[in-house]
Amino acid sequence: MHCKYCGTSIPSTTKRCPNCGRIASSEQIEFLKDFNKNSGWDKYSNKNTSMYKREKATEIKNKIGIILVPLIILILVIIALLKVIGN
């Protein structure tokens, strides 16, 4: 999208022209709201946000849990079998 006053390209994450500083028209603002809502861009527009970091940390914890739990169960089963065989 471009500023209707100076023609500079306006990023989808802002409502002000980075060149002239004017506020985008109401039509442009509505377009940006729809674009951000439909694309999900506003959620991860900055990957340094705490929301992004929390979700990534949760994903990593879930992956570790998926690997770690069966591994612990396997180790316990092996220990139990070794005790049974040893008696």
C-alpha atoms as a PDB file:
ATOM      1  CA  MET A   1       0.000   0.000   0.000  1.00  0.00           C
ATOM      2  CA  HIS A   2       1.189   3.525  -0.739  1.00  0.00           C
ATOM      3  CA  CYS A   3       0.644   6.861   0.987  1.00  0.00           C
ATOM      4  CA  LYS A   4      -1.974   8.866  -0.860  1.00  0.00           C
ATOM      5  CA  TYR A   5      -0.099  12.082  -0.023  1.00  0.00           C
ATOM      6  CA  CYS A   6       3.520  11.367  -0.995  1.00  0.00           C
ATOM      7  CA  GLY A   7       3.382   7.936  -2.662  1.00  0.00           C
ATOM      8  CA  THR A   8       5.792   6.225  -0.266  1.00  0.00           C
ATOM      9  CA  SER A   9       5.176   2.544   0.451  1.00  0.00           C
ATOM     10  CA  ILE A  10       3.500   2.040   3.846  1.00  0.00           C
ATOM     11  CA  PRO A  11       4.298  -1.203   5.707  1.00  0.00           C
ATOM     12  CA  SER A  12       1.292  -3.294   6.702  1.00  0.00           C
ATOM     13  CA  THR A  13       2.235  -2.991  10.377  1.00  0.00           C
ATOM     14  CA  THR A  14       1.857   0.793  10.657  1.00  0.00           C
ATOM     15  CA  LYS A  15      -0.808   3.429  10.106  1.00  0.00           C
ATOM     16  CA  ARG A  16       1.572   6.340   9.481  1.00  0.00           C
ATOM     17  CA  CYS A  17       3.621   7.062   6.394  1.00  0.00           C
ATOM     18  CA  PRO A  18       7.320   6.577   7.206  1.00  0.00           C
ATOM     19  CA  ASN A  19       8.204   9.439   4.832  1.00  0.00           C
ATOM     20  CA  CYS A  20       5.745  12.278   5.476  1.00  0.00           C
ATOM     21  CA  GLY A  21       4.329  11.061   8.810  1.00  0.00           C
ATOM     22  CA  ARG A  22       0.721  11.561   7.798  1.00  0.00           C
ATOM     23  CA  ILE A  23      -1.901   9.161   9.034  1.00  0.00           C
ATOM     24  CA  ALA A  24      -3.245   6.834   6.355  1.00  0.00           C
ATOM     25  CA  SER A  25      -6.800   7.365   5.161  1.00  0.00           C
ATOM     26  CA  SER A  26      -9.610   5.498   6.904  1.00  0.00           C
ATOM     27  CA  GLU A  27      -9.907   3.198   3.870  1.00  0.00           C
ATOM     28  CA  GLN A  28      -6.227   2.340   4.126  1.00  0.00           C
ATOM     29  CA  ILE A  29      -6.508   1.768   7.887  1.00  0.00           C
ATOM     30  CA  GLU A  30      -9.448  -0.608   7.360  1.00  0.00           C
ATOM     31  CA  PHE A  31      -7.439  -2.431   4.696  1.00  0.00           C
ATOM     32  CA  LEU A  32      -4.529  -2.802   7.132  1.00  0.00           C
ATOM     33  CA  LYS A  33      -6.809  -4.110   9.889  1.00  0.00           C
ATOM     34  CA  ASP A  34      -8.318  -6.694   7.534  1.00  0.00           C
ATOM     35  CA  PHE A  35      -4.917  -7.645   6.150  1.00  0.00           C
ATOM     36  CA  ASN A  36      -3.376  -8.100   9.591  1.00  0.00           C
ATOM     37  CA  LYS A  37      -6.408  -9.979  10.904  1.00  0.00           C
ATOM     38  CA  ASN A  38      -6.592 -12.354   7.942  1.00  0.00           C
ATOM     39  CA  SER A  39      -2.883 -12.950   7.542  1.00  0.00           C
ATOM     40  CA  GLY A  40      -2.038 -13.410  11.208  1.00  0.00           C
ATOM     41  CA  TRP A  41       0.921 -11.106  10.587  1.00  0.00           C
ATOM     42  CA  ASP A  42       0.212  -8.893  13.574  1.00  0.00           C
ATOM     43  CA  LYS A  43       0.687 -11.840  15.915  1.00  0.00           C
ATOM     44  CA  TYR A  44       4.279 -12.422  14.840  1.00  0.00           C
ATOM     45  CA  SER A  45       5.187  -9.094  13.281  1.00  0.00           C
ATOM     46  CA  ASN A  46       8.089  -8.886  15.708  1.00  0.00           C
ATOM     47  CA  LYS A  47       9.688 -12.181  16.627  1.00  0.00           C
ATOM     48  CA  ASN A  48      11.119 -10.611  19.760  1.00  0.00           C
ATOM     49  CA  THR A  49       7.697 -10.255  21.333  1.00  0.00           C
ATOM     50  CA  SER A  50       7.041 -12.116  24.548  1.00  0.00           C
ATOM     51  CA  MET A  51       4.049 -13.914  22.969  1.00  0.00           C
ATOM     52  CA  TYR A  52       6.226 -15.341  20.203  1.00  0.00           C
ATOM     53  CA  LYS A  53       8.924 -16.379  22.663  1.00  0.00           C
ATOM     54  CA  ARG A  54       6.404 -18.056  25.001  1.00  0.00           C
ATOM     55  CA  GLU A  55       4.804 -20.010  22.151  1.00  0.00           C
ATOM     56  CA  LYS A  56       8.183 -21.154  20.834  1.00  0.00           C
ATOM     57  CA  ALA A  57       9.270 -22.197  24.349  1.00  0.00           C
ATOM     58  CA  THR A  58       6.034 -24.172  24.749  1.00  0.00           C
ATOM     59  CA  GLU A  59       6.601 -25.899  21.404  1.00  0.00           C
ATOM     60  CA  ILE A  60      10.123 -26.888  22.467  1.00  0.00           C
ATOM     61  CA  LYS A  61       8.916 -28.177  25.854  1.00  0.00           C
ATOM     62  CA  ASN A  62       6.232 -30.251  24.116  1.00  0.00           C
ATOM     63  CA  LYS A  63       8.790 -31.765  21.746  1.00  0.00           C
ATOM     64  CA  ILE A  64      11.131 -32.596  24.617  1.00  0.00           C
ATOM     65  CA  GLY A  65       8.242 -34.186  26.522  1.00  0.00           C
ATOM     66  CA  ILE A  66       7.293 -36.331  23.536  1.00  0.00           C
ATOM     67  CA  ILE A  67      10.831 -37.712  23.418  1.00  0.00           C
ATOM     68  CA  LEU A  68      11.649 -37.805  27.124  1.00  0.00           C
ATOM     69  CA  VAL A  69       8.570 -39.604  28.498  1.00  0.00           C
ATOM     70  CA  PRO A  70       8.859 -42.734  26.301  1.00  0.00           C
ATOM     71  CA  LEU A  71      12.611 -42.811  26.948  1.00  0.00           C
ATOM     72  CA  ILE A  72      12.095 -42.814  30.725  1.00  0.00           C
ATOM     73  CA  ILE A  73       9.450 -45.534  30.422  1.00  0.00           C
ATOM     74  CA  LEU A  74      11.826 -47.623  28.317  1.00  0.00           C
ATOM     75  CA  ILE A  75      14.611 -47.230  30.880  1.00  0.00           C
ATOM     76  CA  LEU A  76      12.271 -48.263  33.722  1.00  0.00           C
ATOM     77  CA  VAL A  77      11.119 -51.324  31.770  1.00  0.00           C
ATOM     78  CA  ILE A  78      14.740 -52.329  31.111  1.00  0.00           C
ATOM     79  CA  ILE A  79      15.624 -51.918  34.798  1.00  0.00           C
ATOM     80  CA  ALA A  80      12.607 -54.004  35.827  1.00  0.00           C
ATOM     81  CA  LEU A  81      13.544 -56.745  33.331  1.00  0.00           C
ATOM     82  CA  LEU A  82      17.136 -56.790  34.568  1.00  0.00           C
ATOM     83  CA  LYS A  83      15.920 -57.198  38.162  1.00  0.00           C
ATOM     84  CA  VAL A  84      13.589 -60.037  37.157  1.00  0.00           C
ATOM     85  CA  ILE A  85      16.328 -61.796  35.175  1.00  0.00           C
ATOM     86  CA  GLY A  86      18.846 -61.259  37.993  1.00  0.00           C
ATOM     87  CA  ASN A  87      16.673 -63.067  40.577  1.00  0.00           C
END
